[in-house]
Amino acid sequence: MMNPETLRDVANVVLIVGLVTAACGTFGVNYFRTQVEKARAAAEKDKQQQSDNRAATLQAKVNDIVVGKDELLRQNSELSALVRSLRGQVGERDLRIEHLNNEIAATKRYSYVANLTFNGMAYVKGDVTMPTEISVAIEGTWFEPSENHFRPVCETAALQKNRNAIRQFPDFPFSYYALAYCLQKQGVPDWRSFAEKATAIFEQTTTIGGHQKSHDECLAYLRQLLGRSK
């Protein structure tokens, strides 16, 4: 049998070993827990960094898309402006072409009558008369009340000659002029329609080079007459 002292020593050794073991166990648990927490924190930090990196990448892509969209909008705006400009130029060109075509058509249509004066000939009086179909049709519809001043004859027969001439030669403006002049003097309302028709033709003939001066004179009179009667 062990003596009491030996048993006490053994008990102390066991106690010490137990205390050491407990201390080591507590230290080991705390150390392990610390390492786990460090690993977890590192993992969380790495996860957050990856998340931030992905967010930054996505934001960069969004920015690229926005910049690309703005660039496309800018280019689209420039193209739209260019299209409008070209369309405007085409429209102006078409208008110029149309205007020139109208001038050409008017010249072709009215060049002959632009060279005729009120009596249907190129000359008012003189040895050279050069009668035309129009001068024959309206013969006797004008008279000379004073030297080199001529007026339409407003008698019924003369007015009928002018009406007939309009049917035969609708582009000859002086027949309309004569009817407008006489009917206005007589107070017949129809004078205005003849005045407007004569004016429209004179506005064409007076743009043609070499036209008779009488076209300008009659146009000025009709404009004044129509202006007074508004």
C-alpha atoms as a PDB file:
ATOM      1  CA  MET A   1       0.000   0.000   0.000  1.00  0.00           C
ATOM      2  CA  MET A   2       1.078   3.512  -0.768  1.00  0.00           C
ATOM      3  CA  ASN A   3       1.774   5.684   2.143  1.00  0.00           C
ATOM      4  CA  PRO A   4      -0.284   8.832   2.555  1.00  0.00           C
ATOM      5  CA  GLU A   5       2.452  11.116   1.317  1.00  0.00           C
ATOM      6  CA  THR A   6       2.813   9.229  -1.911  1.00  0.00           C
ATOM      7  CA  LEU A   7      -0.935   9.341  -2.480  1.00  0.00           C
ATOM      8  CA  ARG A   8      -0.901  13.079  -1.863  1.00  0.00           C
ATOM      9  CA  ASP A   9       1.915  13.580  -4.367  1.00  0.00           C
ATOM     10  CA  VAL A  10       0.127  11.522  -6.965  1.00  0.00           C
ATOM     11  CA  ALA A  11      -3.053  13.520  -6.362  1.00  0.00           C
ATOM     12  CA  ASN A  12      -1.174  16.750  -6.812  1.00  0.00           C
ATOM     13  CA  VAL A  13       0.404  15.532 -10.034  1.00  0.00           C
ATOM     14  CA  VAL A  14      -3.008  14.514 -11.339  1.00  0.00           C
ATOM     15  CA  LEU A  15      -4.454  17.878 -10.345  1.00  0.00           C
ATOM     16  CA  ILE A  16      -1.628  19.733 -12.030  1.00  0.00           C
ATOM     17  CA  VAL A  17      -1.965  17.638 -15.174  1.00  0.00           C
ATOM     18  CA  GLY A  18      -5.687  18.312 -15.159  1.00  0.00           C
ATOM     19  CA  LEU A  19      -5.194  22.011 -14.741  1.00  0.00           C
ATOM     20  CA  VAL A  20      -2.591  22.077 -17.516  1.00  0.00           C
ATOM     21  CA  THR A  21      -4.862  20.048 -19.768  1.00  0.00           C
ATOM     22  CA  ALA A  22      -7.816  22.347 -19.023  1.00  0.00           C
ATOM     23  CA  ALA A  23      -5.698  25.402 -19.673  1.00  0.00           C
ATOM     24  CA  CYS A  24      -4.413  23.971 -22.927  1.00  0.00           C
ATOM     25  CA  GLY A  25      -7.940  23.052 -23.896  1.00  0.00           C
ATOM     26  CA  THR A  26      -9.245  26.575 -23.253  1.00  0.00           C
ATOM     27  CA  PHE A  27      -6.305  28.108 -25.101  1.00  0.00           C
ATOM     28  CA  GLY A  28      -6.783  25.713 -27.988  1.00  0.00           C
ATOM     29  CA  VAL A  29     -10.488  26.507 -28.219  1.00  0.00           C
ATOM     30  CA  ASN A  30      -9.860  30.239 -28.088  1.00  0.00           C
ATOM     31  CA  TYR A  31      -7.060  30.004 -30.634  1.00  0.00           C
ATOM     32  CA  PHE A  32      -9.183  27.882 -32.934  1.00  0.00           C
ATOM     33  CA  ARG A  33     -12.092  30.270 -32.554  1.00  0.00           C
ATOM     34  CA  THR A  34      -9.827  33.222 -33.322  1.00  0.00           C
ATOM     35  CA  GLN A  35      -8.499  31.536 -36.418  1.00  0.00           C
ATOM     36  CA  VAL A  36     -12.012  30.680 -37.551  1.00  0.00           C
ATOM     37  CA  GLU A  37     -13.132  34.275 -37.061  1.00  0.00           C
ATOM     38  CA  LYS A  38     -10.070  35.535 -38.959  1.00  0.00           C
ATOM     39  CA  ALA A  39     -10.767  33.124 -41.814  1.00  0.00           C
ATOM     40  CA  ARG A  40     -14.418  34.125 -41.848  1.00  0.00           C
ATOM     41  CA  ALA A  41     -13.515  37.837 -41.862  1.00  0.00           C
ATOM     42  CA  ALA A  42     -11.000  37.243 -44.660  1.00  0.00           C
ATOM     43  CA  ALA A  43     -13.630  35.324 -46.634  1.00  0.00           C
ATOM     44  CA  GLU A  44     -16.189  38.096 -46.086  1.00  0.00           C
ATOM     45  CA  LYS A  45     -13.632  40.705 -47.145  1.00  0.00           C
ATOM     46  CA  ASP A  46     -12.734  38.698 -50.242  1.00  0.00           C
ATOM     47  CA  LYS A  47     -16.420  38.216 -51.045  1.00  0.00           C
ATOM     48  CA  GLN A  48     -17.050  41.940 -50.603  1.00  0.00           C
ATOM     49  CA  GLN A  49     -14.048  42.749 -52.804  1.00  0.00           C
ATOM     50  CA  GLN A  50     -15.326  40.411 -55.513  1.00  0.00           C
ATOM     51  CA  SER A  51     -18.765  41.986 -55.225  1.00  0.00           C
ATOM     52  CA  ASP A  52     -17.254  45.475 -55.486  1.00  0.00           C
ATOM     53  CA  ASN A  53     -15.192  44.389 -58.497  1.00  0.00           C
ATOM     54  CA  ARG A  54     -18.272  42.967 -60.231  1.00  0.00           C
ATOM     55  CA  ALA A  55     -20.223  46.123 -59.439  1.00  0.00           C
ATOM     56  CA  ALA A  56     -17.413  48.282 -60.815  1.00  0.00           C
ATOM     57  CA  THR A  57     -17.244  46.125 -63.967  1.00  0.00           C
ATOM     58  CA  LEU A  58     -21.010  46.370 -64.463  1.00  0.00           C
ATOM     59  CA  GLN A  59     -20.929  50.129 -63.866  1.00  0.00           C
ATOM     60  CA  ALA A  60     -18.136  50.479 -66.427  1.00  0.00           C
ATOM     61  CA  LYS A  61     -20.223  48.528 -68.938  1.00  0.00           C
ATOM     62  CA  VAL A  62     -23.268  50.685 -68.170  1.00  0.00           C
ATOM     63  CA  ASN A  63     -21.144  53.803 -68.645  1.00  0.00           C
ATOM     64  CA  ASP A  64     -19.906  52.451 -71.975  1.00  0.00           C
ATOM     65  CA  ILE A  65     -23.483  51.768 -73.030  1.00  0.00           C
ATOM     66  CA  VAL A  66     -24.581  55.263 -71.970  1.00  0.00           C
ATOM     67  CA  VAL A  67     -21.648  56.852 -73.795  1.00  0.00           C
ATOM     68  CA  GLY A  68     -22.404  54.730 -76.837  1.00  0.00           C
ATOM     69  CA  LYS A  69     -26.061  55.719 -76.676  1.00  0.00           C
ATOM     70  CA  ASP A  70     -25.153  59.400 -76.393  1.00  0.00           C
ATOM     71  CA  GLU A  71     -22.814  59.035 -79.350  1.00  0.00           C
ATOM     72  CA  LEU A  72     -25.522  57.309 -81.382  1.00  0.00           C
ATOM     73  CA  LEU A  73     -27.982  60.038 -80.441  1.00  0.00           C
ATOM     74  CA  ARG A  74     -25.453  62.683 -81.462  1.00  0.00           C
ATOM     75  CA  GLN A  75     -24.783  60.943 -84.761  1.00  0.00           C
ATOM     76  CA  ASN A  76     -28.508  60.484 -85.311  1.00  0.00           C
ATOM     77  CA  SER A  77     -29.078  64.170 -84.614  1.00  0.00           C
ATOM     78  CA  GLU A  78     -26.342  65.122 -87.080  1.00  0.00           C
ATOM     79  CA  LEU A  79     -27.760  62.778 -89.697  1.00  0.00           C
ATOM     80  CA  SER A  80     -31.263  64.160 -89.135  1.00  0.00           C
ATOM     81  CA  ALA A  81     -29.955  67.692 -89.551  1.00  0.00           C
ATOM     82  CA  LEU A  82     -28.130  66.651 -92.714  1.00  0.00           C
ATOM     83  CA  VAL A  83     -31.265  64.982 -94.088  1.00  0.00           C
ATOM     84  CA  ARG A  84     -33.320  68.102 -93.351  1.00  0.00           C
ATOM     85  CA  SER A  85     -30.690  70.258 -95.011  1.00  0.00           C
ATOM     86  CA  LEU A  86     -30.548  68.035 -98.076  1.00  0.00           C
ATOM     87  CA  ARG A  87     -34.326  67.865 -98.187  1.00  0.00           C
ATOM     88  CA  GLY A  88     -34.459  71.650 -98.029  1.00  0.00           C
ATOM     89  CA  GLN A  89     -31.878  71.936-100.796  1.00  0.00           C
ATOM     90  CA  VAL A  90     -33.808  69.446-102.902  1.00  0.00           C
ATOM     91  CA  GLY A  91     -37.012  71.389-102.224  1.00  0.00           C
ATOM     92  CA  GLU A  92     -35.378  74.678-103.213  1.00  0.00           C
ATOM     93  CA  ARG A  93     -33.899  73.075-106.314  1.00  0.00           C
ATOM     94  CA  ASP A  94     -37.294  71.637-107.263  1.00  0.00           C
ATOM     95  CA  LEU A  95     -38.889  75.048-106.775  1.00  0.00           C
ATOM     96  CA  ARG A  96     -36.235  76.679-108.959  1.00  0.00           C
ATOM     97  CA  ILE A  97     -36.730  74.016-111.611  1.00  0.00           C
ATOM     98  CA  GLU A  98     -40.489  74.459-111.434  1.00  0.00           C
ATOM     99  CA  HIS A  99     -40.094  78.233-111.699  1.00  0.00           C
ATOM    100  CA  LEU A 100     -37.794  77.883-114.705  1.00  0.00           C
ATOM    101  CA  ASN A 101     -40.170  75.403-116.331  1.00  0.00           C
ATOM    102  CA  ASN A 102     -43.034  77.833-115.789  1.00  0.00           C
ATOM    103  CA  GLU A 103     -40.986  80.625-117.345  1.00  0.00           C
ATOM    104  CA  ILE A 104     -40.111  78.436-120.308  1.00  0.00           C
ATOM    105  CA  ALA A 105     -43.743  77.413-120.741  1.00  0.00           C
ATOM    106  CA  ALA A 106     -44.903  81.037-120.464  1.00  0.00           C
ATOM    107  CA  THR A 107     -42.276  82.157-122.974  1.00  0.00           C
ATOM    108  CA  LYS A 108     -43.327  79.487-125.433  1.00  0.00           C
ATOM    109  CA  ARG A 109     -46.998  80.300-124.947  1.00  0.00           C
ATOM    110  CA  TYR A 110     -46.902  84.087-124.899  1.00  0.00           C
ATOM    111  CA  SER A 111     -43.822  85.011-126.936  1.00  0.00           C
ATOM    112  CA  TYR A 112     -45.910  85.524-130.082  1.00  0.00           C
ATOM    113  CA  VAL A 113     -48.560  87.804-128.534  1.00  0.00           C
ATOM    114  CA  ALA A 114     -45.847  89.671-126.558  1.00  0.00           C
ATOM    115  CA  ASN A 115     -44.607  91.025-129.904  1.00  0.00           C
ATOM    116  CA  LEU A 116     -48.071  92.267-130.873  1.00  0.00           C
ATOM    117  CA  THR A 117     -49.614  95.524-129.804  1.00  0.00           C
ATOM    118  CA  PHE A 118     -53.305  96.334-129.175  1.00  0.00           C
ATOM    119  CA  ASN A 119     -54.241  96.132-132.886  1.00  0.00           C
ATOM    120  CA  GLY A 120     -52.931  92.574-133.239  1.00  0.00           C
ATOM    121  CA  MET A 121     -49.879  93.635-135.253  1.00  0.00           C
ATOM    122  CA  ALA A 122     -46.257  94.408-134.451  1.00  0.00           C
ATOM    123  CA  TYR A 123     -46.715  98.014-135.609  1.00  0.00           C
ATOM    124  CA  VAL A 124     -49.347 100.583-134.660  1.00  0.00           C
ATOM    125  CA  LYS A 125     -49.243 102.551-137.872  1.00  0.00           C
ATOM    126  CA  GLY A 126     -47.010 103.291-140.822  1.00  0.00           C
ATOM    127  CA  ASP A 127     -46.411 101.955-144.269  1.00  0.00           C
ATOM    128  CA  VAL A 128     -45.530  98.469-142.957  1.00  0.00           C
ATOM    129  CA  THR A 129     -48.636  96.904-141.487  1.00  0.00           C
ATOM    130  CA  MET A 130     -48.005  93.145-141.569  1.00  0.00           C
ATOM    131  CA  PRO A 131     -51.560  92.059-140.679  1.00  0.00           C
ATOM    132  CA  THR A 132     -52.183  88.867-138.707  1.00  0.00           C
ATOM    133  CA  GLU A 133     -55.196  86.658-138.118  1.00  0.00           C
ATOM    134  CA  ILE A 134     -55.693  88.483-134.829  1.00  0.00           C
ATOM    135  CA  SER A 135     -55.513  91.955-136.411  1.00  0.00           C
ATOM    136  CA  VAL A 136     -58.105  90.925-138.974  1.00  0.00           C
ATOM    137  CA  ALA A 137     -60.396  89.539-136.259  1.00  0.00           C
ATOM    138  CA  ILE A 138     -60.316  92.740-134.132  1.00  0.00           C
ATOM    139  CA  GLU A 139     -60.145  95.308-136.925  1.00  0.00           C
ATOM    140  CA  GLY A 140     -62.096  98.455-136.027  1.00  0.00           C
ATOM    141  CA  THR A 141     -62.082  97.803-132.257  1.00  0.00           C
ATOM    142  CA  TRP A 142     -59.608 100.628-131.461  1.00  0.00           C
ATOM    143  CA  PHE A 143     -59.502 104.306-132.364  1.00  0.00           C
ATOM    144  CA  GLU A 144     -57.095 107.204-131.997  1.00  0.00           C
ATOM    145  CA  PRO A 145     -58.760 110.077-130.103  1.00  0.00           C
ATOM    146  CA  SER A 146     -55.528 112.090-130.138  1.00  0.00           C
ATOM    147  CA  GLU A 147     -52.102 111.783-131.690  1.00  0.00           C
ATOM    148  CA  ASN A 148     -50.545 108.461-130.687  1.00  0.00           C
ATOM    149  CA  HIS A 149     -53.177 107.839-128.015  1.00  0.00           C
ATOM    150  CA  PHE A 150     -55.451 104.866-128.627  1.00  0.00           C
ATOM    151  CA  ARG A 151     -58.626 103.709-126.891  1.00  0.00           C
ATOM    152  CA  PRO A 152     -60.948 100.726-127.317  1.00  0.00           C
ATOM    153  CA  VAL A 153     -64.147 101.264-129.266  1.00  0.00           C
ATOM    154  CA  CYS A 154     -67.023 100.576-126.872  1.00  0.00           C
ATOM    155  CA  GLU A 155     -69.839 100.104-129.411  1.00  0.00           C
ATOM    156  CA  THR A 156     -71.768  96.836-129.409  1.00  0.00           C
ATOM    157  CA  ALA A 157     -70.262  95.564-132.657  1.00  0.00           C
ATOM    158  CA  ALA A 158     -66.709  96.211-131.436  1.00  0.00           C
ATOM    159  CA  LEU A 159     -67.388  94.485-128.116  1.00  0.00           C
ATOM    160  CA  GLN A 160     -68.758  91.452-129.942  1.00  0.00           C
ATOM    161  CA  LYS A 161     -65.647  91.345-132.135  1.00  0.00           C
ATOM    162  CA  ASN A 162     -63.526  91.225-128.982  1.00  0.00           C
ATOM    163  CA  ARG A 163     -65.646  88.410-127.531  1.00  0.00           C
ATOM    164  CA  ASN A 164     -65.235  86.441-130.742  1.00  0.00           C
ATOM    165  CA  ALA A 165     -61.490  87.121-130.735  1.00  0.00           C
ATOM    166  CA  ILE A 166     -61.211  85.765-127.184  1.00  0.00           C
ATOM    167  CA  ARG A 167     -62.718  82.484-128.339  1.00  0.00           C
ATOM    168  CA  GLN A 168     -60.336  82.312-131.294  1.00  0.00           C
ATOM    169  CA  PHE A 169     -57.216  83.704-129.622  1.00  0.00           C
ATOM    170  CA  PRO A 170     -57.542  83.194-125.851  1.00  0.00           C
ATOM    171  CA  ASP A 171     -53.932  84.274-125.170  1.00  0.00           C
ATOM    172  CA  PHE A 172     -54.284  87.710-126.790  1.00  0.00           C
ATOM    173  CA  PRO A 173     -54.631  90.081-123.811  1.00  0.00           C
ATOM    174  CA  PHE A 174     -55.899  93.207-125.527  1.00  0.00           C
ATOM    175  CA  SER A 175     -59.320  91.738-126.274  1.00  0.00           C
ATOM    176  CA  TYR A 176     -59.840  91.169-122.547  1.00  0.00           C
ATOM    177  CA  TYR A 177     -58.464  94.630-121.870  1.00  0.00           C
ATOM    178  CA  ALA A 178     -60.881  96.279-124.316  1.00  0.00           C
ATOM    179  CA  LEU A 179     -63.893  94.522-122.760  1.00  0.00           C
ATOM    180  CA  ALA A 180     -62.728  95.386-119.226  1.00  0.00           C
ATOM    181  CA  TYR A 181     -62.209  99.020-120.216  1.00  0.00           C
ATOM    182  CA  CYS A 182     -65.595  99.432-121.911  1.00  0.00           C
ATOM    183  CA  LEU A 183     -67.702  97.423-119.479  1.00  0.00           C
ATOM    184  CA  GLN A 184     -66.210  99.267-116.503  1.00  0.00           C
ATOM    185  CA  LYS A 185     -67.117 102.584-118.153  1.00  0.00           C
ATOM    186  CA  GLN A 186     -70.658 101.247-118.743  1.00  0.00           C
ATOM    187  CA  GLY A 187     -70.998  99.995-115.147  1.00  0.00           C
ATOM    188  CA  VAL A 188     -71.303  96.325-116.109  1.00  0.00           C
ATOM    189  CA  PRO A 189     -69.998  94.075-113.270  1.00  0.00           C
ATOM    190  CA  ASP A 190     -68.442  91.572-115.681  1.00  0.00           C
ATOM    191  CA  TRP A 191     -65.602  93.999-116.400  1.00  0.00           C
ATOM    192  CA  ARG A 192     -63.600  92.700-113.428  1.00  0.00           C
ATOM    193  CA  SER A 193     -63.278  89.140-114.736  1.00  0.00           C
ATOM    194  CA  PHE A 194     -61.963  90.441-118.073  1.00  0.00           C
ATOM    195  CA  ALA A 195     -59.571  92.812-116.258  1.00  0.00           C
ATOM    196  CA  GLU A 196     -58.197  90.001-114.108  1.00  0.00           C
ATOM    197  CA  LYS A 197     -57.683  87.744-117.124  1.00  0.00           C
ATOM    198  CA  ALA A 198     -55.930  90.490-119.074  1.00  0.00           C
ATOM    199  CA  THR A 199     -53.740  91.258-116.065  1.00  0.00           C
ATOM    200  CA  ALA A 200     -52.698  87.620-115.718  1.00  0.00           C
ATOM    201  CA  ILE A 201     -51.607  87.497-119.363  1.00  0.00           C
ATOM    202  CA  PHE A 202     -49.847  90.867-119.264  1.00  0.00           C
ATOM    203  CA  GLU A 203     -47.904  89.703-116.207  1.00  0.00           C
ATOM    204  CA  GLN A 204     -46.528  86.917-118.397  1.00  0.00           C
ATOM    205  CA  THR A 205     -45.901  88.898-121.583  1.00  0.00           C
ATOM    206  CA  THR A 206     -44.090  91.715-119.768  1.00  0.00           C
ATOM    207  CA  THR A 207     -41.438  89.241-118.545  1.00  0.00           C
ATOM    208  CA  ILE A 208     -40.502  88.305-122.091  1.00  0.00           C
ATOM    209  CA  GLY A 209     -37.630  90.182-123.681  1.00  0.00           C
ATOM    210  CA  GLY A 210     -38.578  92.420-126.592  1.00  0.00           C
ATOM    211  CA  HIS A 211     -42.267  92.688-125.662  1.00  0.00           C
ATOM    212  CA  GLN A 212     -44.311  95.667-126.845  1.00  0.00           C
ATOM    213  CA  LYS A 213     -44.355  98.704-124.552  1.00  0.00           C
ATOM    214  CA  SER A 214     -48.141  98.799-124.749  1.00  0.00           C
ATOM    215  CA  HIS A 215     -48.250  95.640-122.604  1.00  0.00           C
ATOM    216  CA  ASP A 216     -46.604  97.515-119.710  1.00  0.00           C
ATOM    217  CA  GLU A 217     -48.926 100.488-120.111  1.00  0.00           C
ATOM    218  CA  CYS A 218     -52.076  98.367-120.117  1.00  0.00           C
ATOM    219  CA  LEU A 219     -50.872  96.284-117.162  1.00  0.00           C
ATOM    220  CA  ALA A 220     -50.234  99.433-115.110  1.00  0.00           C
ATOM    221  CA  TYR A 221     -53.713 100.775-115.944  1.00  0.00           C
ATOM    222  CA  LEU A 222     -55.446  97.528-115.005  1.00  0.00           C
ATOM    223  CA  ARG A 223     -53.606  97.222-111.702  1.00  0.00           C
ATOM    224  CA  GLN A 224     -54.618 100.738-110.831  1.00  0.00           C
ATOM    225  CA  LEU A 225     -58.222 100.071-111.891  1.00  0.00           C
ATOM    226  CA  LEU A 226     -58.473  96.832-109.925  1.00  0.00           C
ATOM    227  CA  GLY A 227     -56.842  98.464-106.894  1.00  0.00           C
ATOM    228  CA  ARG A 228     -59.364 101.320-106.874  1.00  0.00           C
ATOM    229  CA  SER A 229     -62.361  99.023-107.094  1.00  0.00           C
ATOM    230  CA  LYS A 230     -61.525  96.720-104.145  1.00  0.00           C
END
